[in-house]
Amino acid sequence: MNEIKAVIFDMDGVIVESEYRNFLAKLEVLKPYNISFDYDYYSKFPGNSNLIVWEQIIKDFSIPQTAEYMHKIDLKKREELILKEGHKQVKGAIELIKRLSKKYTLALASGSPEKIIIDTVKSFDIEKYFKFIISGENINRCKPAPDIFLITAENLGFLPENCAVIEDSHNGVLAAKRAGMYCIGFENNNSGEQDLTPADIIIKSHFENPL
């Protein structure tokens, strides 16, 4: 392993328990169309931008709407759920962020919409720990493409080989490895069945010390 100088966090399923909430929001959006799917179907999407997810759902279920429209309604449903339930941190996530910030430069790279990312980090009071934050909304190719991590490394001023990524999704792990970065796969049962085997190391708790 090369010398690690920066740690890049995914958000959903790594910092906040939001994947199941995102799944429920999509089911609410689909109710007027009498369309539903199970969590196994949804579990292939974590790591992708919301627009890409909706493009695939529209294709799979022949929905007569645009991805932009469904994305907009989806955000409203998510915001309603957040107002009702608040944000629930992944156990040990905030402690891990604080601990790693003492040794490494930190960044956050998530496929979630920017508005939700900012709301989440502010609610946990952890925005100050991240030198750079990027949303999948702001790049052309989302995970499993490496773009989001390469852009993050460039903005941090580090080479990819000097960066580590913490990811809970198959798409995220692939993106990290394609970026040439050390990847820590975080096994979160709430993220569904995710193949993390391409990761350099797999952990089951944020209280482990993979770095």
C-alpha atoms as a PDB file:
ATOM      1  CA  MET A   1       0.000   0.000   0.000  1.00  0.00           C
ATOM      2  CA  ASN A   2       1.283   3.452  -0.933  1.00  0.00           C
ATOM      3  CA  GLU A   3       1.458   6.214   1.642  1.00  0.00           C
ATOM      4  CA  ILE A   4      -2.077   7.402   2.305  1.00  0.00           C
ATOM      5  CA  LYS A   5      -2.459  11.150   2.619  1.00  0.00           C
ATOM      6  CA  ALA A   6      -6.203  11.590   2.014  1.00  0.00           C
ATOM      7  CA  VAL A   7      -9.336   9.608   2.841  1.00  0.00           C
ATOM      8  CA  ILE A   8     -12.426   9.988   0.666  1.00  0.00           C
ATOM      9  CA  PHE A   9     -15.772   9.050   2.211  1.00  0.00           C
ATOM     10  CA  ASP A  10     -18.894   7.934   0.427  1.00  0.00           C
ATOM     11  CA  MET A  11     -21.986   9.202   2.270  1.00  0.00           C
ATOM     12  CA  ASP A  12     -25.052   6.965   1.897  1.00  0.00           C
ATOM     13  CA  GLY A  13     -24.477   3.751   3.806  1.00  0.00           C
ATOM     14  CA  VAL A  14     -21.074   4.921   5.081  1.00  0.00           C
ATOM     15  CA  ILE A  15     -21.915   8.055   7.073  1.00  0.00           C
ATOM     16  CA  VAL A  16     -25.716   8.072   7.096  1.00  0.00           C
ATOM     17  CA  GLU A  17     -28.221   5.203   7.055  1.00  0.00           C
ATOM     18  CA  SER A  18     -30.172   6.494   4.085  1.00  0.00           C
ATOM     19  CA  GLU A  19     -30.323   3.770   1.444  1.00  0.00           C
ATOM     20  CA  TYR A  20     -33.557   2.265   2.737  1.00  0.00           C
ATOM     21  CA  ARG A  21     -35.057   5.749   3.058  1.00  0.00           C
ATOM     22  CA  ASN A  22     -34.076   6.444  -0.546  1.00  0.00           C
ATOM     23  CA  PHE A  23     -35.745   3.177  -1.548  1.00  0.00           C
ATOM     24  CA  LEU A  24     -38.982   4.115   0.279  1.00  0.00           C
ATOM     25  CA  ALA A  25     -38.993   7.562  -1.341  1.00  0.00           C
ATOM     26  CA  LYS A  26     -38.888   5.972  -4.782  1.00  0.00           C
ATOM     27  CA  LEU A  27     -41.788   3.682  -3.961  1.00  0.00           C
ATOM     28  CA  GLU A  28     -43.799   6.763  -2.932  1.00  0.00           C
ATOM     29  CA  VAL A  29     -42.969   8.452  -6.231  1.00  0.00           C
ATOM     30  CA  LEU A  30     -44.134   5.360  -8.132  1.00  0.00           C
ATOM     31  CA  LYS A  31     -47.468   4.917  -6.349  1.00  0.00           C
ATOM     32  CA  PRO A  32     -49.475   6.974  -8.902  1.00  0.00           C
ATOM     33  CA  TYR A  33     -48.188   4.639 -11.613  1.00  0.00           C
ATOM     34  CA  ASN A  34     -49.081   1.453  -9.689  1.00  0.00           C
ATOM     35  CA  ILE A  35     -45.459   0.385  -9.894  1.00  0.00           C
ATOM     36  CA  SER A  36     -43.401  -1.177  -7.129  1.00  0.00           C
ATOM     37  CA  PHE A  37     -40.192  -3.165  -6.731  1.00  0.00           C
ATOM     38  CA  ASP A  38     -38.343  -4.900  -3.923  1.00  0.00           C
ATOM     39  CA  TYR A  39     -35.115  -3.923  -2.216  1.00  0.00           C
ATOM     40  CA  ASP A  40     -33.146  -6.520  -4.164  1.00  0.00           C
ATOM     41  CA  TYR A  41     -33.947  -4.591  -7.351  1.00  0.00           C
ATOM     42  CA  TYR A  42     -32.978  -1.291  -5.724  1.00  0.00           C
ATOM     43  CA  SER A  43     -29.708  -2.657  -4.284  1.00  0.00           C
ATOM     44  CA  LYS A  44     -27.969  -2.480  -7.683  1.00  0.00           C
ATOM     45  CA  PHE A  45     -28.255   1.326  -7.692  1.00  0.00           C
ATOM     46  CA  PRO A  46     -26.221   2.622  -4.691  1.00  0.00           C
ATOM     47  CA  GLY A  47     -23.293   4.690  -5.925  1.00  0.00           C
ATOM     48  CA  ASN A  48     -25.096   6.054  -8.974  1.00  0.00           C
ATOM     49  CA  SER A  49     -26.527   9.554  -9.307  1.00  0.00           C
ATOM     50  CA  ASN A  50     -30.263   9.844  -8.766  1.00  0.00           C
ATOM     51  CA  LEU A  51     -30.860  10.881 -12.384  1.00  0.00           C
ATOM     52  CA  ILE A  52     -29.140   7.758 -13.674  1.00  0.00           C
ATOM     53  CA  VAL A  53     -31.170   5.623 -11.273  1.00  0.00           C
ATOM     54  CA  TRP A  54     -34.399   7.136 -12.548  1.00  0.00           C
ATOM     55  CA  GLU A  55     -33.343   6.697 -16.166  1.00  0.00           C
ATOM     56  CA  GLN A  56     -32.976   2.964 -15.507  1.00  0.00           C
ATOM     57  CA  ILE A  57     -36.251   2.665 -13.562  1.00  0.00           C
ATOM     58  CA  ILE A  58     -38.126   4.496 -16.322  1.00  0.00           C
ATOM     59  CA  LYS A  59     -36.621   2.131 -18.881  1.00  0.00           C
ATOM     60  CA  ASP A  60     -37.335  -1.019 -16.866  1.00  0.00           C
ATOM     61  CA  PHE A  61     -40.955  -0.135 -16.112  1.00  0.00           C
ATOM     62  CA  SER A  62     -41.858   1.924 -19.216  1.00  0.00           C
ATOM     63  CA  ILE A  63     -42.824   5.009 -17.210  1.00  0.00           C
ATOM     64  CA  PRO A  64     -44.109   7.907 -19.349  1.00  0.00           C
ATOM     65  CA  GLN A  65     -42.069  10.586 -17.569  1.00  0.00           C
ATOM     66  CA  THR A  66     -38.603  12.094 -17.770  1.00  0.00           C
ATOM     67  CA  ALA A  67     -35.835  11.260 -15.322  1.00  0.00           C
ATOM     68  CA  GLU A  68     -35.617  14.959 -14.433  1.00  0.00           C
ATOM     69  CA  TYR A  69     -39.287  15.019 -13.418  1.00  0.00           C
ATOM     70  CA  MET A  70     -39.083  11.847 -11.338  1.00  0.00           C
ATOM     71  CA  HIS A  71     -35.862  13.066  -9.729  1.00  0.00           C
ATOM     72  CA  LYS A  72     -37.565  16.301  -8.661  1.00  0.00           C
ATOM     73  CA  ILE A  73     -40.494  14.461  -7.067  1.00  0.00           C
ATOM     74  CA  ASP A  74     -38.096  11.992  -5.453  1.00  0.00           C
ATOM     75  CA  LEU A  75     -36.201  14.821  -3.744  1.00  0.00           C
ATOM     76  CA  LYS A  76     -39.434  16.155  -2.286  1.00  0.00           C
ATOM     77  CA  LYS A  77     -40.318  12.721  -0.922  1.00  0.00           C
ATOM     78  CA  ARG A  78     -36.848  12.332   0.591  1.00  0.00           C
ATOM     79  CA  GLU A  79     -37.080  15.750   2.222  1.00  0.00           C
ATOM     80  CA  GLU A  80     -40.440  14.795   3.716  1.00  0.00           C
ATOM     81  CA  LEU A  81     -38.953  11.607   5.172  1.00  0.00           C
ATOM     82  CA  ILE A  82     -35.937  13.519   6.509  1.00  0.00           C
ATOM     83  CA  LEU A  83     -38.185  16.075   8.202  1.00  0.00           C
ATOM     84  CA  LYS A  84     -40.184  13.247   9.751  1.00  0.00           C
ATOM     85  CA  GLU A  85     -37.336  10.934  10.784  1.00  0.00           C
ATOM     86  CA  GLY A  86     -34.164  13.053  10.728  1.00  0.00           C
ATOM     87  CA  HIS A  87     -30.748  11.694   9.751  1.00  0.00           C
ATOM     88  CA  LYS A  88     -29.481   8.527  11.371  1.00  0.00           C
ATOM     89  CA  GLN A  89     -25.710   8.139  11.388  1.00  0.00           C
ATOM     90  CA  VAL A  90     -24.040   4.854  10.622  1.00  0.00           C
ATOM     91  CA  LYS A  91     -22.745   3.631  13.977  1.00  0.00           C
ATOM     92  CA  GLY A  92     -19.269   4.973  14.618  1.00  0.00           C
ATOM     93  CA  ALA A  93     -19.138   7.122  11.474  1.00  0.00           C
ATOM     94  CA  ILE A  94     -18.734  10.503  13.140  1.00  0.00           C
ATOM     95  CA  GLU A  95     -16.118   9.148  15.542  1.00  0.00           C
ATOM     96  CA  LEU A  96     -14.230   7.716  12.550  1.00  0.00           C
ATOM     97  CA  ILE A  97     -14.329  11.034  10.696  1.00  0.00           C
ATOM     98  CA  LYS A  98     -13.000  12.907  13.719  1.00  0.00           C
ATOM     99  CA  ARG A  99     -10.287  10.320  14.298  1.00  0.00           C
ATOM    100  CA  LEU A 100      -9.057  10.213  10.702  1.00  0.00           C
ATOM    101  CA  SER A 101      -9.151  14.015  10.363  1.00  0.00           C
ATOM    102  CA  LYS A 102      -6.271  14.216  12.837  1.00  0.00           C
ATOM    103  CA  LYS A 103      -3.991  12.314  10.453  1.00  0.00           C
ATOM    104  CA  TYR A 104      -5.416  12.643   6.930  1.00  0.00           C
ATOM    105  CA  THR A 105      -7.026  15.201   4.641  1.00  0.00           C
ATOM    106  CA  LEU A 106     -10.689  14.226   4.255  1.00  0.00           C
ATOM    107  CA  ALA A 107     -13.154  14.590   1.393  1.00  0.00           C
ATOM    108  CA  LEU A 108     -16.685  13.419   0.687  1.00  0.00           C
ATOM    109  CA  ALA A 109     -17.704  12.070  -2.733  1.00  0.00           C
ATOM    110  CA  SER A 110     -21.326  10.965  -3.014  1.00  0.00           C
ATOM    111  CA  GLY A 111     -23.766  10.180  -5.773  1.00  0.00           C
ATOM    112  CA  SER A 112     -26.520  11.913  -3.785  1.00  0.00           C
ATOM    113  CA  PRO A 113     -27.918  15.319  -4.756  1.00  0.00           C
ATOM    114  CA  GLU A 114     -25.824  18.218  -3.475  1.00  0.00           C
ATOM    115  CA  LYS A 115     -28.687  19.658  -1.430  1.00  0.00           C
ATOM    116  CA  ILE A 116     -29.071  16.425   0.546  1.00  0.00           C
ATOM    117  CA  ILE A 117     -25.311  16.056   1.024  1.00  0.00           C
ATOM    118  CA  ILE A 118     -25.004  19.544   2.528  1.00  0.00           C
ATOM    119  CA  ASP A 119     -28.085  19.042   4.707  1.00  0.00           C
ATOM    120  CA  THR A 120     -26.666  15.750   6.007  1.00  0.00           C
ATOM    121  CA  VAL A 121     -23.185  16.982   6.898  1.00  0.00           C
ATOM    122  CA  LYS A 122     -24.604  20.105   8.527  1.00  0.00           C
ATOM    123  CA  SER A 123     -27.056  18.074  10.593  1.00  0.00           C
ATOM    124  CA  PHE A 124     -24.138  16.000  11.941  1.00  0.00           C
ATOM    125  CA  ASP A 125     -21.913  19.089  12.274  1.00  0.00           C
ATOM    126  CA  ILE A 126     -19.136  17.426  10.262  1.00  0.00           C
ATOM    127  CA  GLU A 127     -18.874  19.780   7.282  1.00  0.00           C
ATOM    128  CA  LYS A 128     -15.731  21.348   8.795  1.00  0.00           C
ATOM    129  CA  TYR A 129     -13.822  18.061   8.595  1.00  0.00           C
ATOM    130  CA  PHE A 130     -14.024  17.820   4.796  1.00  0.00           C
ATOM    131  CA  LYS A 131     -11.688  19.870   2.629  1.00  0.00           C
ATOM    132  CA  PHE A 132     -13.699  19.008  -0.477  1.00  0.00           C
ATOM    133  CA  ILE A 133     -17.266  17.791  -1.067  1.00  0.00           C
ATOM    134  CA  ILE A 134     -18.635  16.687  -4.427  1.00  0.00           C
ATOM    135  CA  SER A 135     -21.992  15.368  -5.646  1.00  0.00           C
ATOM    136  CA  GLY A 136     -22.646  12.985  -8.496  1.00  0.00           C
ATOM    137  CA  GLU A 137     -24.906  15.696  -9.883  1.00  0.00           C
ATOM    138  CA  ASN A 138     -21.815  17.670 -10.853  1.00  0.00           C
ATOM    139  CA  ILE A 139     -19.985  15.084 -12.968  1.00  0.00           C
ATOM    140  CA  ASN A 140     -20.693  13.465 -16.329  1.00  0.00           C
ATOM    141  CA  ARG A 141     -19.988   9.857 -15.398  1.00  0.00           C
ATOM    142  CA  CYS A 142     -20.971   8.463 -12.013  1.00  0.00           C
ATOM    143  CA  LYS A 143     -19.786   5.361 -10.185  1.00  0.00           C
ATOM    144  CA  PRO A 144     -18.653   2.748 -11.223  1.00  0.00           C
ATOM    145  CA  ALA A 145     -16.716   5.180 -13.442  1.00  0.00           C
ATOM    146  CA  PRO A 146     -13.734   6.608 -11.503  1.00  0.00           C
ATOM    147  CA  ASP A 147     -14.428  10.266 -12.369  1.00  0.00           C
ATOM    148  CA  ILE A 148     -15.804  11.414  -9.011  1.00  0.00           C
ATOM    149  CA  PHE A 149     -12.745  10.101  -7.153  1.00  0.00           C
ATOM    150  CA  LEU A 150     -10.233  11.395  -9.700  1.00  0.00           C
ATOM    151  CA  ILE A 151     -11.801  14.869  -9.544  1.00  0.00           C
ATOM    152  CA  THR A 152     -11.685  14.709  -5.753  1.00  0.00           C
ATOM    153  CA  ALA A 153      -7.999  13.758  -5.695  1.00  0.00           C
ATOM    154  CA  GLU A 154      -7.182  16.572  -8.114  1.00  0.00           C
ATOM    155  CA  ASN A 155      -9.000  19.112  -5.955  1.00  0.00           C
ATOM    156  CA  LEU A 156      -7.235  17.860  -2.848  1.00  0.00           C
ATOM    157  CA  GLY A 157      -3.863  18.087  -4.589  1.00  0.00           C
ATOM    158  CA  PHE A 158      -2.941  14.412  -4.145  1.00  0.00           C
ATOM    159  CA  LEU A 159      -2.159  11.603  -6.545  1.00  0.00           C
ATOM    160  CA  PRO A 160      -4.815   8.836  -6.710  1.00  0.00           C
ATOM    161  CA  GLU A 161      -2.358   6.306  -5.260  1.00  0.00           C
ATOM    162  CA  ASN A 162      -2.083   8.447  -2.134  1.00  0.00           C
ATOM    163  CA  CYS A 163      -5.849   8.354  -1.535  1.00  0.00           C
ATOM    164  CA  ALA A 164      -8.025   5.821   0.265  1.00  0.00           C
ATOM    165  CA  VAL A 165     -11.764   5.471  -0.269  1.00  0.00           C
ATOM    166  CA  ILE A 166     -14.396   4.129   2.127  1.00  0.00           C
ATOM    167  CA  GLU A 167     -17.315   2.627   0.196  1.00  0.00           C
ATOM    168  CA  ASP A 168     -20.282   0.380   0.968  1.00  0.00           C
ATOM    169  CA  SER A 169     -21.482  -0.312  -2.578  1.00  0.00           C
ATOM    170  CA  HIS A 170     -20.240  -2.498  -5.421  1.00  0.00           C
ATOM    171  CA  ASN A 171     -20.345   0.447  -7.819  1.00  0.00           C
ATOM    172  CA  GLY A 172     -18.383   2.604  -5.393  1.00  0.00           C
ATOM    173  CA  VAL A 173     -15.703  -0.019  -4.833  1.00  0.00           C
ATOM    174  CA  LEU A 174     -15.256  -0.482  -8.584  1.00  0.00           C
ATOM    175  CA  ALA A 175     -14.975   3.287  -9.052  1.00  0.00           C
ATOM    176  CA  ALA A 176     -12.308   3.562  -6.351  1.00  0.00           C
ATOM    177  CA  LYS A 177     -10.204   0.747  -7.795  1.00  0.00           C
ATOM    178  CA  ARG A 178     -10.557   2.092 -11.331  1.00  0.00           C
ATOM    179  CA  ALA A 179      -9.286   5.407  -9.989  1.00  0.00           C
ATOM    180  CA  GLY A 180      -6.169   3.614  -8.738  1.00  0.00           C
ATOM    181  CA  MET A 181      -6.970   4.199  -5.076  1.00  0.00           C
ATOM    182  CA  TYR A 182      -6.778   2.027  -1.979  1.00  0.00           C
ATOM    183  CA  CYS A 183     -10.332   0.918  -1.201  1.00  0.00           C
ATOM    184  CA  ILE A 184     -11.878   0.039   2.140  1.00  0.00           C
ATOM    185  CA  GLY A 185     -15.124  -1.838   1.629  1.00  0.00           C
ATOM    186  CA  PHE A 186     -17.595  -1.216   4.455  1.00  0.00           C
ATOM    187  CA  GLU A 187     -20.057  -4.081   4.840  1.00  0.00           C
ATOM    188  CA  ASN A 188     -23.341  -2.396   5.762  1.00  0.00           C
ATOM    189  CA  ASN A 189     -26.252  -4.838   5.909  1.00  0.00           C
ATOM    190  CA  ASN A 190     -28.666  -1.963   5.311  1.00  0.00           C
ATOM    191  CA  SER A 191     -27.136  -1.397   1.877  1.00  0.00           C
ATOM    192  CA  GLY A 192     -28.377  -4.726   0.549  1.00  0.00           C
ATOM    193  CA  GLU A 193     -26.299  -7.494  -0.984  1.00  0.00           C
ATOM    194  CA  GLN A 194     -23.209  -5.685  -2.251  1.00  0.00           C
ATOM    195  CA  ASP A 195     -20.178  -7.404  -3.755  1.00  0.00           C
ATOM    196  CA  LEU A 196     -17.245  -5.687  -2.059  1.00  0.00           C
ATOM    197  CA  THR A 197     -14.630  -8.287  -2.995  1.00  0.00           C
ATOM    198  CA  PRO A 198     -12.684  -5.944  -5.338  1.00  0.00           C
ATOM    199  CA  ALA A 199     -11.845  -3.784  -2.282  1.00  0.00           C
ATOM    200  CA  ASP A 200      -8.374  -4.011  -0.752  1.00  0.00           C
ATOM    201  CA  ILE A 201      -9.864  -4.690   2.661  1.00  0.00           C
ATOM    202  CA  ILE A 202     -13.408  -5.238   3.951  1.00  0.00           C
ATOM    203  CA  ILE A 203     -14.556  -4.050   7.371  1.00  0.00           C
ATOM    204  CA  LYS A 204     -17.816  -4.627   9.214  1.00  0.00           C
ATOM    205  CA  SER A 205     -17.534  -1.777  11.700  1.00  0.00           C
ATOM    206  CA  HIS A 206     -16.240   1.789  11.728  1.00  0.00           C
ATOM    207  CA  PHE A 207     -14.507   0.943  14.995  1.00  0.00           C
ATOM    208  CA  GLU A 208     -12.004  -1.217  13.102  1.00  0.00           C
ATOM    209  CA  ASN A 209      -8.718   0.409  12.061  1.00  0.00           C
ATOM    210  CA  PRO A 210      -8.096  -0.328   8.363  1.00  0.00           C
ATOM    211  CA  LEU A 211      -5.539   2.511   7.990  1.00  0.00           C
END
